[in-house]
Structure formats: structure tokens, C-alpha cells
Amino acid sequence: MTNLPVPADATVLALDLAVLADHAAALAENARAANTRRAYRSDWRHFSAWADAQGLNGLPAAPPVIGMYLAAHETTLSVATLTRRLSSIAVAHRMAGHSFDSRHPAIADVMRGIRRARGSAPRAAEALTVARLRQVLEEFGDRLADHRDRALLLVGTAAALRRSELVALNVADIAVTPEGLRITIRRSKTDQEGEGAVLAVGRTRRATCPAAAYERWLVEAGIREGAAFRAVDRHGRLGGRLSGNAIALIVQRRAAAAGLDPGMYSGHSMRAGFATSAARAGIGEIAIARQTRHASLNVLRRYVREGRLFDEALTQEIGL
């Protein structure tokens, strides 16, 4: 058969399509939130290292190997973390072109057993309410890390921020005004298209004023641009942008220093603390949701119910 010459314009078209395909793949990758991708990578490294240490094949991993991994970490990782690890392992397999069935009995039965042993209901992070936050702040000193954590906890609570939103903030995203802070959220869990949101954090006369704490942190750290919240080493030297995990550790460490159980708190505790405290103050759901930006009022109502739990307590009414 005679090979016909390929027209030059067809070659150009093929190259253009290849470039477009690469660009489309890059856009698809960017569609996953950066924090999610980091979690996937971290989870996969953990599983891969464990499989290597056991002399087992991690990619592709047979379902019984996944089951053994879950069982091996039953007592050291929470159900939520194990569930996320399982999702990350599945993503890694599919990206490598391997099939993955999380419903396989060797996997599903192990997870079911772990949930039953731990209790089926997931434990929500304890809310860092305003009262508890004041208790935590009483233990602060005057080190650079103290100024950072004071600003971080107050801004995170007052703006009802997710930890991913906190770490993504740049100085340019937080406008300091006479009225308080004008915070621009570029992207969030419920705004993956990056439409953005602007939040207001008012100035107060109290020692717990978020705006004053944030201004003091910037002055003490000498920060004028870039990441708003950064690492501080034990010598007081400034580092790079904080990670989401670092936010959780800061909350837990500060809770422990105030005599609270650190295991009950997480990076989500600030956001939960705002919603719970607002509900206790009698603020309506719609007003709370404007600040928290909850996509579903049903999710928000869990915090509202917690905040108003004792409003309907009938202990005194029945004469006890």
C-alpha cells in the first residue's frame, strides 16, 4: 500500500491538539484544590512507605494489603483519617491506570469493623467558643509566636475561616481599616471556581480585638507582603507560609496550655467556635451563614443547636 504524504496543515493540527490536550490536563489538575492534592500526596507517601517496610507491593496493591494497612493503623489514626487515606490510595491507583474497588470485602469489611469498634458516629471537633478562646489567650506571653497565634486564633474565629483559607491569606488580602479588617477570600472549599468573598471583622475595644492583634503581629514580625501567617522557629526566626496541619497543631498546643483536652480540638474549632458563640448570642441563622459561607443551612444548624442547647433545658421548670 502506498503511504500518502501527510499534509503540513494536518501535522500542525495534530501538534495543536497535543498542546491543547496537555493544557486541558493541566486545567483538570488545577481543578483539585491545592490542599486536597497535598493531602493526597501525604497520604500516598504514608501508605507507600508502610507497604515498602512490609515488603508488599503498594502499586497496584491487592485488596488484602489495603485491609492490612487499615488494620495496622486502627488504633493510631482516626476513622476520618483512615477514610481519607483510603480515598487517597484510590486516587493514586486510578491516576496510575489501575482499578480500585473500595467495596471489596477485604477493604470494606475492615473499615466496617473499625467504625463499629470506634462507634459509628464521627466525632466533630470541639468548638473553640469565645469563652474558651479567652481562656486560651490568658496563657499567652510576648514572644513572636505568641503574637502570631493570638492574631491567628482571633482572626480565624472572628471571620469563621477554614484552616485552608487562613494559610492562603496574603497581606494584600487583609485590608486594615479604622472599622476593622476587610478580608478577601480568593478561593474556598465551597468556591472552587475562585469567585471570591469579602468578609468584615469589626474592631472592638477589648483585649481580644482581632484587628489590633493582627496589626501587632505584622509590626512585631516586620511583615509587609506575602503570606500573612508564617512559621516561627523556637529562636523567634520567621519562616515560610504555615500549612493546614500547622494550624491544627497550633490550636491543639494552645488548648493544652490552657488546660483543655487537645485531642478534642482541631483547625476547624475556630470556625465552629464562631458559629456556636454566635448562636448563643442569639444571632440568626442567615446572619451567621453570611459569615461562615455554609453552602447548606442543615450543616450550620448543628452548631446552632449546640449553641442553644441549654436554652430549652427544662431542669428548673420541673423543679429540680
C-alpha atoms as a PDB file:
ATOM      1  CA  MET A   1       0.000   0.000   0.000  1.00  0.00           C
ATOM      2  CA  THR A   2       1.292   3.429  -0.937  1.00  0.00           C
ATOM      3  CA  ASN A   3       1.819   5.744   2.043  1.00  0.00           C
ATOM      4  CA  LEU A   4       0.287   9.065   1.200  1.00  0.00           C
ATOM      5  CA  PRO A   5       2.149  12.149   2.432  1.00  0.00           C
ATOM      6  CA  VAL A   6       0.604  13.837   5.444  1.00  0.00           C
ATOM      7  CA  PRO A   7      -0.421  17.409   4.651  1.00  0.00           C
ATOM      8  CA  ALA A   8       1.574  20.014   6.537  1.00  0.00           C
ATOM      9  CA  ASP A   9      -1.579  21.576   7.963  1.00  0.00           C
ATOM     10  CA  ALA A  10      -2.606  18.172   9.379  1.00  0.00           C
ATOM     11  CA  THR A  11       0.728  17.925  11.196  1.00  0.00           C
ATOM     12  CA  VAL A  12       0.232  21.394  12.629  1.00  0.00           C
ATOM     13  CA  LEU A  13      -3.298  20.448  13.684  1.00  0.00           C
ATOM     14  CA  ALA A  14      -2.012  17.331  15.449  1.00  0.00           C
ATOM     15  CA  LEU A  15       0.577  19.398  17.319  1.00  0.00           C
ATOM     16  CA  ASP A  16      -2.065  21.966  18.276  1.00  0.00           C
ATOM     17  CA  LEU A  17      -4.316  19.212  19.572  1.00  0.00           C
ATOM     18  CA  ALA A  18      -1.451  17.750  21.606  1.00  0.00           C
ATOM     19  CA  VAL A  19      -0.781  21.144  23.164  1.00  0.00           C
ATOM     20  CA  LEU A  20      -4.479  21.587  23.909  1.00  0.00           C
ATOM     21  CA  ALA A  21      -4.640  18.123  25.452  1.00  0.00           C
ATOM     22  CA  ASP A  22      -1.708  18.962  27.737  1.00  0.00           C
ATOM     23  CA  HIS A  23      -3.343  22.264  28.645  1.00  0.00           C
ATOM     24  CA  ALA A  24      -6.661  20.556  29.368  1.00  0.00           C
ATOM     25  CA  ALA A  25      -4.881  18.066  31.627  1.00  0.00           C
ATOM     26  CA  ALA A  26      -3.194  20.922  33.482  1.00  0.00           C
ATOM     27  CA  LEU A  27      -6.528  22.679  33.985  1.00  0.00           C
ATOM     28  CA  ALA A  28      -8.108  19.468  35.232  1.00  0.00           C
ATOM     29  CA  GLU A  29      -5.266  19.021  37.713  1.00  0.00           C
ATOM     30  CA  ASN A  30      -5.661  22.607  38.883  1.00  0.00           C
ATOM     31  CA  ALA A  31      -9.357  21.975  39.480  1.00  0.00           C
ATOM     32  CA  ARG A  32      -8.444  19.931  42.548  1.00  0.00           C
ATOM     33  CA  ALA A  33      -7.910  22.242  45.480  1.00  0.00           C
ATOM     34  CA  ALA A  34      -4.229  22.621  46.337  1.00  0.00           C
ATOM     35  CA  ASN A  35      -4.812  21.422  49.886  1.00  0.00           C
ATOM     36  CA  THR A  36      -6.568  18.307  48.635  1.00  0.00           C
ATOM     37  CA  ARG A  37      -3.639  17.492  46.371  1.00  0.00           C
ATOM     38  CA  ARG A  38      -1.230  17.947  49.277  1.00  0.00           C
ATOM     39  CA  ALA A  39      -3.329  15.610  51.408  1.00  0.00           C
ATOM     40  CA  TYR A  40      -3.391  13.015  48.621  1.00  0.00           C
ATOM     41  CA  ARG A  41       0.399  13.151  48.277  1.00  0.00           C
ATOM     42  CA  SER A  42       0.982  12.949  52.023  1.00  0.00           C
ATOM     43  CA  ASP A  43      -1.434  10.029  52.420  1.00  0.00           C
ATOM     44  CA  TRP A  44       0.080   8.170  49.497  1.00  0.00           C
ATOM     45  CA  ARG A  45       3.629   8.599  50.845  1.00  0.00           C
ATOM     46  CA  HIS A  46       2.488   7.194  54.186  1.00  0.00           C
ATOM     47  CA  PHE A  47       0.871   4.132  52.620  1.00  0.00           C
ATOM     48  CA  SER A  48       3.720   3.566  50.164  1.00  0.00           C
ATOM     49  CA  ALA A  49       6.335   3.715  52.939  1.00  0.00           C
ATOM     50  CA  TRP A  50       4.333   1.250  55.030  1.00  0.00           C
ATOM     51  CA  ALA A  51       3.983  -1.187  52.105  1.00  0.00           C
ATOM     52  CA  ASP A  52       7.722  -0.980  51.362  1.00  0.00           C
ATOM     53  CA  ALA A  53       8.554  -1.644  55.009  1.00  0.00           C
ATOM     54  CA  GLN A  54       6.396  -4.773  54.939  1.00  0.00           C
ATOM     55  CA  GLY A  55       7.873  -5.964  51.654  1.00  0.00           C
ATOM     56  CA  LEU A  56       4.475  -5.632  49.961  1.00  0.00           C
ATOM     57  CA  ASN A  57       3.543  -4.221  46.588  1.00  0.00           C
ATOM     58  CA  GLY A  58       1.909  -0.820  47.026  1.00  0.00           C
ATOM     59  CA  LEU A  59       1.048  -0.073  43.392  1.00  0.00           C
ATOM     60  CA  PRO A  60      -1.051  -1.825  42.458  1.00  0.00           C
ATOM     61  CA  ALA A  61      -1.946  -3.033  45.928  1.00  0.00           C
ATOM     62  CA  ALA A  62      -4.105  -6.116  46.361  1.00  0.00           C
ATOM     63  CA  PRO A  63      -7.269  -5.512  48.460  1.00  0.00           C
ATOM     64  CA  PRO A  64      -5.943  -7.649  51.368  1.00  0.00           C
ATOM     65  CA  VAL A  65      -2.862  -5.387  51.518  1.00  0.00           C
ATOM     66  CA  ILE A  66      -5.114  -2.333  51.850  1.00  0.00           C
ATOM     67  CA  GLY A  67      -7.072  -4.134  54.556  1.00  0.00           C
ATOM     68  CA  MET A  68      -3.866  -4.934  56.463  1.00  0.00           C
ATOM     69  CA  TYR A  69      -2.782  -1.284  56.239  1.00  0.00           C
ATOM     70  CA  LEU A  70      -6.093  -0.110  57.685  1.00  0.00           C
ATOM     71  CA  ALA A  71      -5.925  -2.694  60.470  1.00  0.00           C
ATOM     72  CA  ALA A  72      -2.317  -1.761  61.266  1.00  0.00           C
ATOM     73  CA  HIS A  73      -3.340   1.842  61.928  1.00  0.00           C
ATOM     74  CA  GLU A  74      -6.690   1.206  63.594  1.00  0.00           C
ATOM     75  CA  THR A  75      -5.528   2.469  66.988  1.00  0.00           C
ATOM     76  CA  THR A  76      -3.267   5.308  65.814  1.00  0.00           C
ATOM     77  CA  LEU A  77      -5.432   7.063  63.220  1.00  0.00           C
ATOM     78  CA  SER A  78      -8.987   8.335  63.454  1.00  0.00           C
ATOM     79  CA  VAL A  79     -11.773   6.885  61.333  1.00  0.00           C
ATOM     80  CA  ALA A  80     -11.891  10.152  59.384  1.00  0.00           C
ATOM     81  CA  THR A  81      -8.165   9.990  58.640  1.00  0.00           C
ATOM     82  CA  LEU A  82      -8.344   6.325  57.613  1.00  0.00           C
ATOM     83  CA  THR A  83     -11.264   7.126  55.323  1.00  0.00           C
ATOM     84  CA  ARG A  84      -9.291   9.929  53.716  1.00  0.00           C
ATOM     85  CA  ARG A  85      -6.221   7.692  53.364  1.00  0.00           C
ATOM     86  CA  LEU A  86      -8.368   5.124  51.589  1.00  0.00           C
ATOM     87  CA  SER A  87      -9.619   7.795  49.183  1.00  0.00           C
ATOM     88  CA  SER A  88      -6.054   8.948  48.514  1.00  0.00           C
ATOM     89  CA  ILE A  89      -4.896   5.398  47.796  1.00  0.00           C
ATOM     90  CA  ALA A  90      -7.803   5.001  45.381  1.00  0.00           C
ATOM     91  CA  VAL A  91      -6.891   8.234  43.572  1.00  0.00           C
ATOM     92  CA  ALA A  92      -3.244   7.156  43.247  1.00  0.00           C
ATOM     93  CA  HIS A  93      -4.280   3.826  41.737  1.00  0.00           C
ATOM     94  CA  ARG A  94      -6.670   5.382  39.246  1.00  0.00           C
ATOM     95  CA  MET A  95      -4.158   8.021  38.191  1.00  0.00           C
ATOM     96  CA  ALA A  96      -1.673   5.206  37.524  1.00  0.00           C
ATOM     97  CA  GLY A  97      -4.251   3.386  35.408  1.00  0.00           C
ATOM     98  CA  HIS A  98      -5.091   0.664  37.934  1.00  0.00           C
ATOM     99  CA  SER A  99      -8.582  -0.294  39.022  1.00  0.00           C
ATOM    100  CA  PHE A 100      -9.520   0.127  42.676  1.00  0.00           C
ATOM    101  CA  ASP A 101     -12.639  -1.172  44.394  1.00  0.00           C
ATOM    102  CA  SER A 102     -13.101   0.170  47.911  1.00  0.00           C
ATOM    103  CA  ARG A 103     -16.184  -2.084  48.205  1.00  0.00           C
ATOM    104  CA  HIS A 104     -14.052  -5.226  48.045  1.00  0.00           C
ATOM    105  CA  PRO A 105     -14.770  -7.286  51.200  1.00  0.00           C
ATOM    106  CA  ALA A 106     -11.086  -7.256  52.189  1.00  0.00           C
ATOM    107  CA  ILE A 107     -11.316  -3.460  52.417  1.00  0.00           C
ATOM    108  CA  ALA A 108     -14.958  -2.675  53.193  1.00  0.00           C
ATOM    109  CA  ASP A 109     -15.290  -5.270  55.958  1.00  0.00           C
ATOM    110  CA  VAL A 110     -12.171  -3.973  57.710  1.00  0.00           C
ATOM    111  CA  MET A 111     -13.430  -0.380  57.593  1.00  0.00           C
ATOM    112  CA  ARG A 112     -16.849  -1.505  58.814  1.00  0.00           C
ATOM    113  CA  GLY A 113     -15.219  -3.303  61.729  1.00  0.00           C
ATOM    114  CA  ILE A 114     -13.110  -0.267  62.620  1.00  0.00           C
ATOM    115  CA  ARG A 115     -16.151   2.005  62.583  1.00  0.00           C
ATOM    116  CA  ARG A 116     -18.099  -0.416  64.744  1.00  0.00           C
ATOM    117  CA  ALA A 117     -15.228  -0.690  67.223  1.00  0.00           C
ATOM    118  CA  ARG A 118     -14.853   3.085  67.426  1.00  0.00           C
ATOM    119  CA  GLY A 119     -18.550   3.913  67.291  1.00  0.00           C
ATOM    120  CA  SER A 120     -20.265   4.761  64.040  1.00  0.00           C
ATOM    121  CA  ALA A 121     -20.840   8.470  64.629  1.00  0.00           C
ATOM    122  CA  PRO A 122     -17.858  10.628  63.656  1.00  0.00           C
ATOM    123  CA  ARG A 123     -16.707  12.929  66.445  1.00  0.00           C
ATOM    124  CA  ALA A 124     -16.844  16.577  65.499  1.00  0.00           C
ATOM    125  CA  ALA A 125     -14.103  18.928  66.631  1.00  0.00           C
ATOM    126  CA  GLU A 126     -14.882  20.793  69.841  1.00  0.00           C
ATOM    127  CA  ALA A 127     -15.864  24.403  69.234  1.00  0.00           C
ATOM    128  CA  LEU A 128     -13.343  26.981  70.416  1.00  0.00           C
ATOM    129  CA  THR A 129     -16.051  29.286  71.717  1.00  0.00           C
ATOM    130  CA  VAL A 130     -15.336  32.877  72.696  1.00  0.00           C
ATOM    131  CA  ALA A 131     -15.277  31.890  76.381  1.00  0.00           C
ATOM    132  CA  ARG A 132     -12.737  29.136  75.725  1.00  0.00           C
ATOM    133  CA  LEU A 133     -10.728  31.373  73.422  1.00  0.00           C
ATOM    134  CA  ARG A 134     -10.387  33.951  76.201  1.00  0.00           C
ATOM    135  CA  GLN A 135      -9.204  31.155  78.494  1.00  0.00           C
ATOM    136  CA  VAL A 136      -6.609  30.144  75.900  1.00  0.00           C
ATOM    137  CA  LEU A 137      -5.397  33.716  75.333  1.00  0.00           C
ATOM    138  CA  GLU A 138      -4.749  34.224  79.049  1.00  0.00           C
ATOM    139  CA  GLU A 139      -1.767  31.863  78.765  1.00  0.00           C
ATOM    140  CA  PHE A 140      -0.037  33.885  76.025  1.00  0.00           C
ATOM    141  CA  GLY A 141       3.237  35.696  76.541  1.00  0.00           C
ATOM    142  CA  ASP A 142       5.070  38.288  74.454  1.00  0.00           C
ATOM    143  CA  ARG A 143       7.127  36.115  72.104  1.00  0.00           C
ATOM    144  CA  LEU A 144       6.780  36.442  68.342  1.00  0.00           C
ATOM    145  CA  ALA A 145       4.939  33.100  68.185  1.00  0.00           C
ATOM    146  CA  ASP A 146       2.510  34.393  70.824  1.00  0.00           C
ATOM    147  CA  HIS A 147       1.686  37.442  68.709  1.00  0.00           C
ATOM    148  CA  ARG A 148       1.187  35.256  65.655  1.00  0.00           C
ATOM    149  CA  ASP A 149      -1.039  32.748  67.417  1.00  0.00           C
ATOM    150  CA  ARG A 150      -3.103  35.476  69.089  1.00  0.00           C
ATOM    151  CA  ALA A 151      -3.768  37.080  65.702  1.00  0.00           C
ATOM    152  CA  LEU A 152      -4.364  33.739  64.015  1.00  0.00           C
ATOM    153  CA  LEU A 153      -6.872  32.498  66.587  1.00  0.00           C
ATOM    154  CA  LEU A 154      -8.753  35.788  66.809  1.00  0.00           C
ATOM    155  CA  VAL A 155      -8.927  36.400  63.058  1.00  0.00           C
ATOM    156  CA  GLY A 156      -9.720  32.747  62.352  1.00  0.00           C
ATOM    157  CA  THR A 157     -12.575  32.779  64.858  1.00  0.00           C
ATOM    158  CA  ALA A 158     -13.994  36.221  64.057  1.00  0.00           C
ATOM    159  CA  ALA A 159     -14.001  35.550  60.306  1.00  0.00           C
ATOM    160  CA  ALA A 160     -15.121  31.907  60.720  1.00  0.00           C
ATOM    161  CA  LEU A 161     -12.299  30.779  58.450  1.00  0.00           C
ATOM    162  CA  ARG A 162     -11.375  27.287  57.371  1.00  0.00           C
ATOM    163  CA  ARG A 163      -7.746  26.440  58.032  1.00  0.00           C
ATOM    164  CA  SER A 164      -7.095  26.246  54.275  1.00  0.00           C
ATOM    165  CA  GLU A 165      -8.395  29.810  53.964  1.00  0.00           C
ATOM    166  CA  LEU A 166      -6.225  31.025  56.830  1.00  0.00           C
ATOM    167  CA  VAL A 167      -2.996  29.667  55.390  1.00  0.00           C
ATOM    168  CA  ALA A 168      -3.826  31.010  51.914  1.00  0.00           C
ATOM    169  CA  LEU A 169      -4.201  34.596  53.143  1.00  0.00           C
ATOM    170  CA  ASN A 170      -1.650  37.136  51.975  1.00  0.00           C
ATOM    171  CA  VAL A 171      -1.085  40.570  53.478  1.00  0.00           C
ATOM    172  CA  ALA A 172      -2.718  42.042  50.370  1.00  0.00           C
ATOM    173  CA  ASP A 173      -5.884  40.069  51.161  1.00  0.00           C
ATOM    174  CA  ILE A 174      -6.380  41.737  54.561  1.00  0.00           C
ATOM    175  CA  ALA A 175      -7.104  45.452  54.436  1.00  0.00           C
ATOM    176  CA  VAL A 176      -6.700  47.171  57.816  1.00  0.00           C
ATOM    177  CA  THR A 177      -9.236  49.991  58.189  1.00  0.00           C
ATOM    178  CA  PRO A 178     -10.443  52.193  61.074  1.00  0.00           C
ATOM    179  CA  GLU A 179     -13.513  49.940  61.263  1.00  0.00           C
ATOM    180  CA  GLY A 180     -11.546  46.680  61.398  1.00  0.00           C
ATOM    181  CA  LEU A 181     -10.362  44.127  58.844  1.00  0.00           C
ATOM    182  CA  ARG A 182     -11.657  43.650  55.308  1.00  0.00           C
ATOM    183  CA  ILE A 183     -10.667  40.099  54.379  1.00  0.00           C
ATOM    184  CA  THR A 184     -10.770  38.822  50.804  1.00  0.00           C
ATOM    185  CA  ILE A 185     -11.045  35.043  50.446  1.00  0.00           C
ATOM    186  CA  ARG A 186      -9.764  34.189  46.967  1.00  0.00           C
ATOM    187  CA  ARG A 187     -10.847  30.564  46.953  1.00  0.00           C
ATOM    188  CA  SER A 188     -12.511  28.207  49.413  1.00  0.00           C
ATOM    189  CA  LYS A 189     -13.949  24.729  49.835  1.00  0.00           C
ATOM    190  CA  THR A 190     -17.361  25.873  48.600  1.00  0.00           C
ATOM    191  CA  ASP A 191     -15.938  28.253  45.979  1.00  0.00           C
ATOM    192  CA  GLN A 192     -13.623  26.135  43.853  1.00  0.00           C
ATOM    193  CA  GLU A 193     -14.157  28.409  40.826  1.00  0.00           C
ATOM    194  CA  GLY A 194     -12.402  31.228  42.679  1.00  0.00           C
ATOM    195  CA  GLU A 195     -15.210  33.790  42.598  1.00  0.00           C
ATOM    196  CA  GLY A 196     -14.032  35.042  45.984  1.00  0.00           C
ATOM    197  CA  ALA A 197     -15.739  36.503  49.045  1.00  0.00           C
ATOM    198  CA  VAL A 198     -15.172  39.568  51.210  1.00  0.00           C
ATOM    199  CA  LEU A 199     -15.627  39.310  54.984  1.00  0.00           C
ATOM    200  CA  ALA A 200     -15.735  42.034  57.611  1.00  0.00           C
ATOM    201  CA  VAL A 201     -14.146  41.676  61.047  1.00  0.00           C
ATOM    202  CA  GLY A 202     -15.082  44.656  63.196  1.00  0.00           C
ATOM    203  CA  ARG A 203     -12.783  46.460  65.582  1.00  0.00           C
ATOM    204  CA  THR A 204     -13.551  46.246  69.315  1.00  0.00           C
ATOM    205  CA  ARG A 205     -12.259  47.930  72.465  1.00  0.00           C
ATOM    206  CA  ARG A 206     -11.481  44.624  74.125  1.00  0.00           C
ATOM    207  CA  ALA A 207      -8.111  42.925  74.540  1.00  0.00           C
ATOM    208  CA  THR A 208      -9.493  40.312  72.174  1.00  0.00           C
ATOM    209  CA  CYS A 209      -9.795  42.718  69.219  1.00  0.00           C
ATOM    210  CA  PRO A 210      -8.813  40.711  66.107  1.00  0.00           C
ATOM    211  CA  ALA A 211      -7.774  43.816  64.155  1.00  0.00           C
ATOM    212  CA  ALA A 212      -5.454  45.040  66.904  1.00  0.00           C
ATOM    213  CA  ALA A 213      -3.917  41.575  67.304  1.00  0.00           C
ATOM    214  CA  TYR A 214      -3.318  41.287  63.558  1.00  0.00           C
ATOM    215  CA  GLU A 215      -1.723  44.755  63.349  1.00  0.00           C
ATOM    216  CA  ARG A 216       0.574  43.937  66.284  1.00  0.00           C
ATOM    217  CA  TRP A 217       1.644  40.659  64.639  1.00  0.00           C
ATOM    218  CA  LEU A 218       2.596  42.403  61.391  1.00  0.00           C
ATOM    219  CA  VAL A 219       4.628  45.019  63.273  1.00  0.00           C
ATOM    220  CA  GLU A 220       6.411  42.501  65.512  1.00  0.00           C
ATOM    221  CA  ALA A 221       7.206  40.201  62.558  1.00  0.00           C
ATOM    222  CA  GLY A 222       8.090  43.009  60.159  1.00  0.00           C
ATOM    223  CA  ILE A 223       5.795  41.552  57.506  1.00  0.00           C
ATOM    224  CA  ARG A 224       4.740  43.878  54.686  1.00  0.00           C
ATOM    225  CA  GLU A 225       3.839  41.482  51.886  1.00  0.00           C
ATOM    226  CA  GLY A 226       3.412  37.809  51.085  1.00  0.00           C
ATOM    227  CA  ALA A 227       1.942  35.229  53.447  1.00  0.00           C
ATOM    228  CA  ALA A 228       0.030  36.785  56.338  1.00  0.00           C
ATOM    229  CA  PHE A 229       0.649  33.899  58.766  1.00  0.00           C
ATOM    230  CA  ARG A 230       4.086  32.292  58.830  1.00  0.00           C
ATOM    231  CA  ALA A 231       6.139  29.781  60.741  1.00  0.00           C
ATOM    232  CA  VAL A 232       8.197  30.978  63.708  1.00  0.00           C
ATOM    233  CA  ASP A 233      11.006  28.751  64.995  1.00  0.00           C
ATOM    234  CA  ARG A 234      11.997  28.340  68.646  1.00  0.00           C
ATOM    235  CA  HIS A 235      14.574  31.107  68.258  1.00  0.00           C
ATOM    236  CA  GLY A 236      11.920  33.540  67.073  1.00  0.00           C
ATOM    237  CA  ARG A 237      13.048  33.466  63.453  1.00  0.00           C
ATOM    238  CA  LEU A 238      10.412  33.943  60.784  1.00  0.00           C
ATOM    239  CA  GLY A 239       9.837  31.156  58.247  1.00  0.00           C
ATOM    240  CA  GLY A 240       7.541  30.465  55.318  1.00  0.00           C
ATOM    241  CA  ARG A 241       3.787  30.175  54.970  1.00  0.00           C
ATOM    242  CA  LEU A 242       2.045  27.966  57.533  1.00  0.00           C
ATOM    243  CA  SER A 243       0.460  24.696  56.412  1.00  0.00           C
ATOM    244  CA  GLY A 244      -3.025  23.492  57.264  1.00  0.00           C
ATOM    245  CA  ASN A 245      -1.544  20.884  59.598  1.00  0.00           C
ATOM    246  CA  ALA A 246       0.417  23.607  61.389  1.00  0.00           C
ATOM    247  CA  ILE A 247      -2.844  25.467  62.081  1.00  0.00           C
ATOM    248  CA  ALA A 248      -4.316  22.352  63.701  1.00  0.00           C
ATOM    249  CA  LEU A 249      -1.184  21.845  65.816  1.00  0.00           C
ATOM    250  CA  ILE A 250      -1.242  25.477  66.977  1.00  0.00           C
ATOM    251  CA  VAL A 251      -4.870  25.156  68.085  1.00  0.00           C
ATOM    252  CA  GLN A 252      -4.144  21.901  69.920  1.00  0.00           C
ATOM    253  CA  ARG A 253      -0.960  23.173  71.563  1.00  0.00           C
ATOM    254  CA  ARG A 254      -2.651  26.341  72.781  1.00  0.00           C
ATOM    255  CA  ALA A 255      -5.664  24.388  74.035  1.00  0.00           C
ATOM    256  CA  ALA A 256      -3.374  22.083  76.022  1.00  0.00           C
ATOM    257  CA  ALA A 257      -1.533  25.057  77.553  1.00  0.00           C
ATOM    258  CA  ALA A 258      -4.889  26.366  78.810  1.00  0.00           C
ATOM    259  CA  GLY A 259      -5.788  23.047  80.434  1.00  0.00           C
ATOM    260  CA  LEU A 260      -8.153  21.875  77.687  1.00  0.00           C
ATOM    261  CA  ASP A 261      -8.029  18.423  76.099  1.00  0.00           C
ATOM    262  CA  PRO A 262      -6.019  18.967  72.891  1.00  0.00           C
ATOM    263  CA  GLY A 263      -7.450  15.826  71.309  1.00  0.00           C
ATOM    264  CA  MET A 264     -10.865  17.476  71.213  1.00  0.00           C
ATOM    265  CA  TYR A 265      -9.697  20.432  69.123  1.00  0.00           C
ATOM    266  CA  SER A 266      -8.600  20.910  65.529  1.00  0.00           C
ATOM    267  CA  GLY A 267      -8.145  23.612  62.921  1.00  0.00           C
ATOM    268  CA  HIS A 268     -11.931  23.545  62.454  1.00  0.00           C
ATOM    269  CA  SER A 269     -12.506  24.533  66.097  1.00  0.00           C
ATOM    270  CA  MET A 270     -12.205  28.269  65.346  1.00  0.00           C
ATOM    271  CA  ARG A 271     -14.909  28.184  62.674  1.00  0.00           C
ATOM    272  CA  ALA A 272     -17.125  26.015  64.876  1.00  0.00           C
ATOM    273  CA  GLY A 273     -16.453  28.394  67.760  1.00  0.00           C
ATOM    274  CA  PHE A 274     -17.755  31.362  65.790  1.00  0.00           C
ATOM    275  CA  ALA A 275     -20.968  29.594  64.778  1.00  0.00           C
ATOM    276  CA  THR A 276     -21.630  28.233  68.273  1.00  0.00           C
ATOM    277  CA  SER A 277     -20.858  31.544  70.011  1.00  0.00           C
ATOM    278  CA  ALA A 278     -22.991  33.483  67.526  1.00  0.00           C
ATOM    279  CA  ALA A 279     -25.924  31.133  68.121  1.00  0.00           C
ATOM    280  CA  ARG A 280     -25.563  31.542  71.901  1.00  0.00           C
ATOM    281  CA  ALA A 281     -25.608  35.309  71.414  1.00  0.00           C
ATOM    282  CA  GLY A 282     -28.995  34.993  69.712  1.00  0.00           C
ATOM    283  CA  ILE A 283     -27.788  35.841  66.205  1.00  0.00           C
ATOM    284  CA  GLY A 284     -29.995  34.413  63.455  1.00  0.00           C
ATOM    285  CA  GLU A 285     -29.014  31.587  61.127  1.00  0.00           C
ATOM    286  CA  ILE A 286     -28.947  33.735  57.992  1.00  0.00           C
ATOM    287  CA  ALA A 287     -26.614  36.292  59.574  1.00  0.00           C
ATOM    288  CA  ILE A 288     -24.314  33.524  60.828  1.00  0.00           C
ATOM    289  CA  ALA A 289     -24.322  31.855  57.405  1.00  0.00           C
ATOM    290  CA  ARG A 290     -23.275  35.104  55.716  1.00  0.00           C
ATOM    291  CA  GLN A 291     -20.021  34.968  57.679  1.00  0.00           C
ATOM    292  CA  THR A 292     -19.442  31.211  57.666  1.00  0.00           C
ATOM    293  CA  ARG A 293     -20.489  30.878  53.997  1.00  0.00           C
ATOM    294  CA  HIS A 294     -22.036  27.476  54.645  1.00  0.00           C
ATOM    295  CA  ALA A 295     -23.474  26.046  51.436  1.00  0.00           C
ATOM    296  CA  SER A 296     -26.105  24.224  53.490  1.00  0.00           C
ATOM    297  CA  LEU A 297     -28.053  25.588  56.445  1.00  0.00           C
ATOM    298  CA  ASN A 298     -28.524  21.996  57.629  1.00  0.00           C
ATOM    299  CA  VAL A 299     -24.789  21.776  58.325  1.00  0.00           C
ATOM    300  CA  LEU A 300     -24.804  25.146  60.082  1.00  0.00           C
ATOM    301  CA  ARG A 301     -27.763  24.130  62.251  1.00  0.00           C
ATOM    302  CA  ARG A 302     -25.619  21.547  64.044  1.00  0.00           C
ATOM    303  CA  TYR A 303     -23.637  24.410  65.556  1.00  0.00           C
ATOM    304  CA  VAL A 304     -26.773  26.461  66.189  1.00  0.00           C
ATOM    305  CA  ARG A 305     -28.343  23.554  68.102  1.00  0.00           C
ATOM    306  CA  GLU A 306     -25.166  23.151  70.146  1.00  0.00           C
ATOM    307  CA  GLY A 307     -25.031  26.868  70.890  1.00  0.00           C
ATOM    308  CA  ARG A 308     -28.660  26.976  72.025  1.00  0.00           C
ATOM    309  CA  LEU A 309     -28.742  23.563  73.674  1.00  0.00           C
ATOM    310  CA  PHE A 310     -29.408  24.862  77.188  1.00  0.00           C
ATOM    311  CA  ASP A 311     -31.925  27.492  76.077  1.00  0.00           C
ATOM    312  CA  GLU A 312     -34.582  24.792  76.165  1.00  0.00           C
ATOM    313  CA  ALA A 313     -33.294  22.847  79.149  1.00  0.00           C
ATOM    314  CA  LEU A 314     -36.281  22.195  81.432  1.00  0.00           C
ATOM    315  CA  THR A 315     -34.380  21.213  84.578  1.00  0.00           C
ATOM    316  CA  GLN A 316     -35.502  24.227  86.619  1.00  0.00           C
ATOM    317  CA  GLU A 317     -39.001  24.159  85.166  1.00  0.00           C
ATOM    318  CA  ILE A 318     -39.635  20.655  86.519  1.00  0.00           C
ATOM    319  CA  GLY A 319     -38.487  21.717  89.973  1.00  0.00           C
ATOM    320  CA  LEU A 320     -35.004  20.193  90.244  1.00  0.00           C
END
